[in-house]
Amino acid sequence: MRSPRALIPLLSVCAAAAVVTAAATGATIEGLPGGGGPAHADGAAEPPEAVTIKAVTWNVCGGPGCPSGTAPAQLTKQIVQRMRATEVGGRKVKTNAVLLQEVCEGHVRAFKKTMGTWTWAFAASSDGGACAQGQGRAGVAIGTEAKLTEPRQAKLPAPAGRTRIALCGEVPSWTTRVCVTQLSPAEGGEWRQKQARALATLAGSGRVLLGGDFADGPESSALDPLYGAYAECDQSGSSRTGAKTRQNWQGTAIDKTDYLFITKSAAASCSVPTARTAASDHRPLSAEIRFD
């Protein structure tokens, strides 16, 4: 593992809310209601209780053409192992929240059996394709050990003929909104900036955990709306930095395209493995986040 960021409070900065309309998909996936839903409510009468979230975001590359695409059972096992023991701050921790991209419906069905106390939500990607061995469509998923409620999917701005989906849900016992998405480099920075603005609107300004593969580097202006509204778990102070998460075919980490954005007043420690991840072309990004 790389040397992790210390668990320190991040500066609280008030950011102006972006005004972007995120249209509902109208479709129902895994029994989830379609629609974007309102942002997480703020201004509660009493401050919420402190909570620590141990999260992983990972593009597991389980769909067509992926390293583990033809071995769904093996990939499921590796994802569950990561959930049960990931490293943050030089310590092994058990996660209580996961954000997955390029994961198959069949994987999520298996997680529901293996991690029986968890709550899961899944949304298929329009261009995710069909997974091997009857595993259904590829898409994005949220899993939480605490009860996840109101899971909703919303369309993000995209060029004609393309659809980008964000999936969000509420964890009432954490007073936290959790969102996941996967963006595409094919759409260009202008569209990703519009998508980033829409994501900031969907996530809101309360306690937020927003992650996924955003297909762009930290220095890109396309991510300005997210860095303006939140802190990224692996940045250093106000510098937009972080360990590389995307691998080339040789297993060498070449770019940071995976992110965990959180409320700026939270404290966070963040880690990425230094060794090659054979199961995917992305390395998992793990964090311990403290909301006071």
Protein backbone atom coordinates (compact mmCIF):
# COMPACT_ATOMS: atom_id res chain seq x y z
CA MET A 1 0.00 0.00 0.00
CA ARG A 2 1.09 3.56 -0.60
CA SER A 3 1.63 5.87 2.33
CA PRO A 4 -1.96 6.91 3.20
CA ARG A 5 -3.25 10.38 3.88
CA ALA A 6 -3.51 11.04 7.60
CA LEU A 7 -6.94 11.06 9.23
CA ILE A 8 -7.24 14.82 9.60
CA PRO A 9 -10.14 17.27 9.35
CA LEU A 10 -10.60 18.85 5.95
CA LEU A 11 -11.37 22.56 5.69
CA SER A 12 -15.05 23.40 5.66
CA VAL A 13 -15.91 25.63 2.73
CA CYS A 14 -19.36 26.75 1.73
CA ALA A 15 -19.90 26.12 -1.98
CA ALA A 16 -22.68 27.54 -4.09
CA ALA A 17 -25.18 24.94 -5.18
CA ALA A 18 -25.15 24.11 -8.87
CA VAL A 19 -28.49 24.40 -10.64
CA VAL A 20 -28.71 21.43 -12.98
CA THR A 21 -31.75 19.37 -13.85
CA ALA A 22 -31.15 15.61 -13.63
CA ALA A 23 -33.96 13.83 -15.43
CA ALA A 24 -35.31 10.56 -14.08
CA THR A 25 -34.76 7.37 -16.04
CA GLY A 26 -38.34 6.20 -15.71
CA ALA A 27 -37.14 2.59 -15.74
CA THR A 28 -37.30 0.28 -12.77
CA ILE A 29 -34.20 -1.85 -12.10
CA GLU A 30 -33.97 -4.49 -9.39
CA GLY A 31 -37.28 -3.19 -8.04
CA LEU A 32 -35.93 0.32 -7.52
CA PRO A 33 -38.12 3.35 -8.30
CA GLY A 34 -36.92 5.44 -11.24
CA GLY A 35 -36.27 9.14 -10.70
CA GLY A 36 -33.60 11.47 -9.40
CA GLY A 37 -35.19 12.44 -6.08
CA PRO A 38 -34.36 15.47 -3.95
CA ALA A 39 -30.91 16.15 -2.56
CA HIS A 40 -30.16 15.04 1.00
CA ALA A 41 -31.96 17.31 3.43
CA ASP A 42 -29.89 19.75 5.46
CA GLY A 43 -30.64 21.94 8.45
CA ALA A 44 -31.95 19.26 10.83
CA ALA A 45 -33.22 20.49 14.20
CA GLU A 46 -30.46 18.60 16.01
CA PRO A 47 -26.95 17.79 14.73
CA PRO A 48 -26.70 14.17 13.54
CA GLU A 49 -24.69 11.70 15.58
CA ALA A 50 -21.05 11.15 14.67
CA VAL A 51 -20.40 8.20 12.37
CA THR A 52 -17.39 6.49 10.78
CA ILE A 53 -17.78 5.07 7.28
CA LYS A 54 -15.21 2.65 5.89
CA ALA A 55 -15.76 2.76 2.15
CA VAL A 56 -14.34 1.29 -1.04
CA THR A 57 -14.96 2.49 -4.57
CA TRP A 58 -13.84 0.09 -7.29
CA ASN A 59 -14.32 -0.30 -11.02
CA VAL A 60 -14.25 -4.10 -10.85
CA CYS A 61 -14.41 -4.57 -14.65
CA GLY A 62 -16.78 -7.52 -14.52
CA GLY A 63 -18.51 -6.88 -17.82
CA PRO A 64 -17.77 -7.87 -21.44
CA GLY A 65 -14.10 -7.78 -22.44
CA CYS A 66 -12.84 -7.49 -18.86
CA PRO A 67 -10.08 -9.60 -17.23
CA SER A 68 -12.59 -11.36 -14.96
CA GLY A 69 -15.56 -11.13 -17.29
CA THR A 70 -15.65 -14.87 -17.91
CA ALA A 71 -15.03 -15.80 -14.26
CA PRO A 72 -17.89 -14.14 -12.33
CA ALA A 73 -17.66 -16.45 -9.31
CA GLN A 74 -13.96 -15.72 -8.89
CA LEU A 75 -14.52 -11.97 -9.19
CA THR A 76 -17.38 -12.10 -6.68
CA LYS A 77 -15.07 -13.82 -4.22
CA GLN A 78 -12.37 -11.18 -4.68
CA ILE A 79 -14.82 -8.32 -4.20
CA VAL A 80 -16.21 -9.89 -1.01
CA GLN A 81 -12.66 -10.40 0.28
CA ARG A 82 -11.97 -6.69 -0.31
CA MET A 83 -15.17 -5.76 1.50
CA ARG A 84 -14.25 -7.88 4.51
CA ALA A 85 -10.66 -6.63 4.74
CA THR A 86 -9.21 -3.59 3.02
CA GLU A 87 -6.28 -1.46 4.11
CA VAL A 88 -6.62 2.16 5.20
CA GLY A 89 -3.98 4.08 7.12
CA GLY A 90 -1.78 1.01 7.39
CA ARG A 91 -4.56 -0.96 9.13
CA LYS A 92 -6.85 -3.72 7.93
CA VAL A 93 -10.47 -2.61 8.23
CA LYS A 94 -13.83 -4.15 7.39
CA THR A 95 -15.84 -1.97 5.05
CA ASN A 96 -19.39 -0.86 5.69
CA ALA A 97 -19.99 0.82 2.31
CA VAL A 98 -18.97 -0.11 -1.25
CA LEU A 99 -19.43 1.71 -4.55
CA LEU A 100 -18.91 -0.54 -7.58
CA GLN A 101 -18.71 0.13 -11.31
CA GLU A 102 -18.80 -2.32 -14.23
CA VAL A 103 -20.36 -4.82 -11.85
CA CYS A 104 -22.94 -7.33 -13.09
CA GLU A 105 -26.44 -8.00 -11.80
CA GLY A 106 -25.33 -11.56 -11.04
CA HIS A 107 -22.54 -10.30 -8.80
CA VAL A 108 -25.02 -8.23 -6.82
CA ARG A 109 -27.34 -11.24 -6.43
CA ALA A 110 -24.38 -13.18 -5.04
CA PHE A 111 -23.48 -10.33 -2.64
CA LYS A 112 -27.03 -10.40 -1.27
CA LYS A 113 -26.54 -14.06 -0.36
CA THR A 114 -22.98 -13.73 0.93
CA MET A 115 -23.41 -10.43 2.80
CA GLY A 116 -26.87 -11.13 4.13
CA THR A 117 -27.15 -8.14 6.46
CA TRP A 118 -26.23 -5.58 3.78
CA THR A 119 -28.59 -3.52 1.60
CA TRP A 120 -27.90 -3.33 -2.14
CA ALA A 121 -29.02 -1.16 -5.04
CA PHE A 122 -28.11 -1.68 -8.70
CA ALA A 123 -28.58 0.30 -11.91
CA ALA A 124 -27.66 -1.04 -15.34
CA SER A 125 -25.56 1.14 -17.64
CA SER A 126 -27.07 1.80 -21.05
CA ASP A 127 -23.84 0.74 -22.76
CA GLY A 128 -22.75 -1.80 -20.13
CA GLY A 129 -23.57 -4.77 -22.34
CA ALA A 130 -24.48 -8.29 -21.32
CA CYS A 131 -22.24 -10.06 -18.82
CA ALA A 132 -21.00 -13.63 -19.34
CA GLN A 133 -22.61 -16.79 -17.98
CA GLY A 134 -26.07 -15.33 -17.50
CA GLN A 135 -24.93 -12.61 -15.12
CA GLY A 136 -27.29 -10.03 -16.60
CA ARG A 137 -26.31 -6.45 -17.45
CA ALA A 138 -23.27 -4.50 -16.27
CA GLY A 139 -23.77 -1.32 -14.30
CA VAL A 140 -23.14 0.41 -10.99
CA ALA A 141 -24.04 -0.66 -7.46
CA ILE A 142 -24.14 0.61 -3.90
CA GLY A 143 -23.86 -1.70 -0.90
CA THR A 144 -24.14 -0.58 2.74
CA GLU A 145 -24.04 -2.51 5.98
CA ALA A 146 -26.57 -0.06 7.44
CA LYS A 147 -29.99 0.11 5.80
CA LEU A 148 -29.99 1.94 2.45
CA THR A 149 -33.30 3.61 1.59
CA GLU A 150 -34.81 5.54 -1.32
CA PRO A 151 -32.41 4.23 -3.98
CA ARG A 152 -32.97 6.22 -7.14
CA GLN A 153 -31.28 6.56 -10.49
CA ALA A 154 -31.02 9.74 -12.53
CA LYS A 155 -29.79 10.57 -15.99
CA LEU A 156 -26.75 12.83 -16.24
CA PRO A 157 -26.24 15.26 -19.13
CA ALA A 158 -24.86 13.40 -22.16
CA PRO A 159 -24.53 13.81 -25.93
CA ALA A 160 -27.35 12.64 -28.16
CA GLY A 161 -27.49 8.87 -28.33
CA ARG A 162 -25.66 8.36 -25.03
CA THR A 163 -26.96 7.87 -21.50
CA ARG A 164 -25.07 8.28 -18.22
CA ILE A 165 -26.69 7.12 -14.99
CA ALA A 166 -26.03 8.09 -11.38
CA LEU A 167 -27.39 5.96 -8.54
CA CYS A 168 -28.03 7.51 -5.12
CA GLY A 169 -29.54 6.36 -1.84
CA GLU A 170 -29.96 7.49 1.76
CA VAL A 171 -28.53 5.83 4.86
CA PRO A 172 -30.74 7.25 7.63
CA SER A 173 -28.70 5.89 10.53
CA TRP A 174 -25.64 7.71 9.11
CA THR A 175 -27.63 10.78 7.99
CA THR A 176 -25.66 10.40 4.75
CA ARG A 177 -26.45 10.38 1.05
CA VAL A 178 -24.41 7.86 -0.97
CA CYS A 179 -24.02 8.15 -4.77
CA VAL A 180 -22.08 6.26 -7.45
CA THR A 181 -21.55 6.67 -11.18
CA GLN A 182 -19.22 5.84 -14.04
CA LEU A 183 -18.39 8.44 -16.68
CA SER A 184 -16.81 7.96 -20.10
CA PRO A 185 -13.72 9.61 -21.64
CA ALA A 186 -15.45 9.39 -25.03
CA GLU A 187 -17.83 12.20 -24.11
CA GLY A 188 -15.20 14.91 -23.67
CA GLY A 189 -14.38 17.28 -20.83
CA GLU A 190 -17.25 19.69 -21.56
CA TRP A 191 -19.81 16.95 -21.02
CA ARG A 192 -18.03 15.58 -17.95
CA GLN A 193 -18.11 19.04 -16.38
CA LYS A 194 -21.88 19.17 -16.96
CA GLN A 195 -22.13 15.70 -15.43
CA ALA A 196 -20.03 16.79 -12.45
CA ARG A 197 -22.38 19.75 -11.84
CA ALA A 198 -25.37 17.42 -11.99
CA LEU A 199 -23.69 15.03 -9.54
CA ALA A 200 -23.09 17.85 -7.07
CA THR A 201 -26.77 18.78 -7.29
CA LEU A 202 -27.90 15.18 -6.82
CA ALA A 203 -25.61 14.59 -3.84
CA GLY A 204 -26.53 17.84 -2.10
CA SER A 205 -24.71 19.62 0.69
CA GLY A 206 -25.35 17.51 3.78
CA ARG A 207 -23.26 14.47 4.65
CA VAL A 208 -22.16 13.08 1.30
CA LEU A 209 -20.26 10.06 0.05
CA LEU A 210 -19.95 10.27 -3.74
CA GLY A 211 -17.65 8.00 -5.70
CA GLY A 212 -16.89 6.18 -8.89
CA ASP A 213 -14.78 6.15 -12.02
CA PHE A 214 -14.96 9.69 -13.44
CA ALA A 215 -12.69 9.04 -16.45
CA ASP A 216 -10.54 12.12 -15.84
CA GLY A 217 -7.53 13.25 -13.82
CA PRO A 218 -7.63 15.45 -10.69
CA GLU A 219 -6.19 18.43 -12.56
CA SER A 220 -9.01 18.46 -15.12
CA SER A 221 -11.32 21.47 -15.01
CA ALA A 222 -14.17 19.05 -15.73
CA LEU A 223 -14.07 18.06 -12.07
CA ASP A 224 -14.12 21.66 -10.75
CA PRO A 225 -17.77 21.42 -9.61
CA LEU A 226 -16.97 18.41 -7.41
CA TYR A 227 -13.71 19.76 -5.98
CA GLY A 228 -15.52 23.02 -5.32
CA ALA A 229 -18.40 21.42 -3.43
CA TYR A 230 -16.55 18.58 -1.65
CA ALA A 231 -13.16 17.26 -0.57
CA GLU A 232 -11.65 14.25 -2.33
CA CYS A 233 -10.36 11.69 0.16
CA ASP A 234 -6.87 11.44 -1.38
CA GLN A 235 -6.13 15.12 -1.99
CA SER A 236 -3.47 16.92 0.02
CA GLY A 237 -4.88 20.10 1.53
CA SER A 238 -6.18 22.21 -1.33
CA SER A 239 -3.95 20.39 -3.87
CA ARG A 240 -5.78 18.08 -6.25
CA THR A 241 -3.63 14.97 -5.99
CA GLY A 242 -4.00 11.27 -5.28
CA ALA A 243 -2.55 7.86 -6.02
CA LYS A 244 -3.03 6.44 -9.51
CA THR A 245 -5.87 3.93 -9.75
CA ARG A 246 -6.15 2.97 -13.43
CA GLN A 247 -3.75 0.30 -14.73
CA ASN A 248 -2.42 -0.45 -18.21
CA TRP A 249 -2.30 -3.95 -19.69
CA GLN A 250 0.98 -4.59 -17.88
CA GLY A 251 -0.58 -3.80 -14.50
CA THR A 252 1.26 -0.49 -14.07
CA ALA A 253 -0.78 2.29 -12.47
CA ILE A 254 -0.94 5.18 -14.96
CA ASP A 255 -3.76 7.58 -13.96
CA LYS A 256 -6.05 8.57 -11.13
CA THR A 257 -9.60 8.31 -12.45
CA ASP A 258 -11.33 6.91 -9.34
CA TYR A 259 -12.61 9.20 -6.59
CA LEU A 260 -14.35 9.41 -3.24
CA PHE A 261 -15.78 12.89 -2.67
CA ILE A 262 -16.98 13.74 0.82
CA THR A 263 -18.28 16.69 2.83
CA LYS A 264 -15.41 19.13 3.43
CA SER A 265 -15.89 19.19 7.21
CA ALA A 266 -15.30 15.42 7.44
CA ALA A 267 -12.02 13.74 8.40
CA ALA A 268 -10.59 11.15 6.04
CA SER A 269 -7.78 8.67 5.50
CA CYS A 270 -7.39 7.17 2.03
CA SER A 271 -5.30 4.35 0.49
CA VAL A 272 -4.69 2.68 -2.88
CA PRO A 273 -2.77 -0.61 -3.27
CA THR A 274 0.74 -0.27 -4.70
CA ALA A 275 0.64 -3.79 -6.16
CA ARG A 276 -1.08 -4.76 -9.38
CA THR A 277 -4.74 -5.76 -9.14
CA ALA A 278 -5.14 -8.75 -11.44
CA ALA A 279 -8.95 -8.86 -11.36
CA SER A 280 -9.50 -5.46 -13.00
CA ASP A 281 -7.84 -2.62 -14.90
CA HIS A 282 -8.52 -0.42 -11.85
CA ARG A 283 -7.19 -0.57 -8.31
CA PRO A 284 -9.66 -0.10 -5.45
CA LEU A 285 -9.69 3.18 -3.53
CA SER A 286 -10.38 2.68 0.19
CA ALA A 287 -11.15 5.32 2.82
CA GLU A 288 -12.10 5.75 6.45
CA ILE A 289 -14.32 8.79 6.80
CA ARG A 290 -15.40 10.41 10.06
CA PHE A 291 -18.49 12.63 10.12
CA ASP A 292 -18.78 14.52 13.44
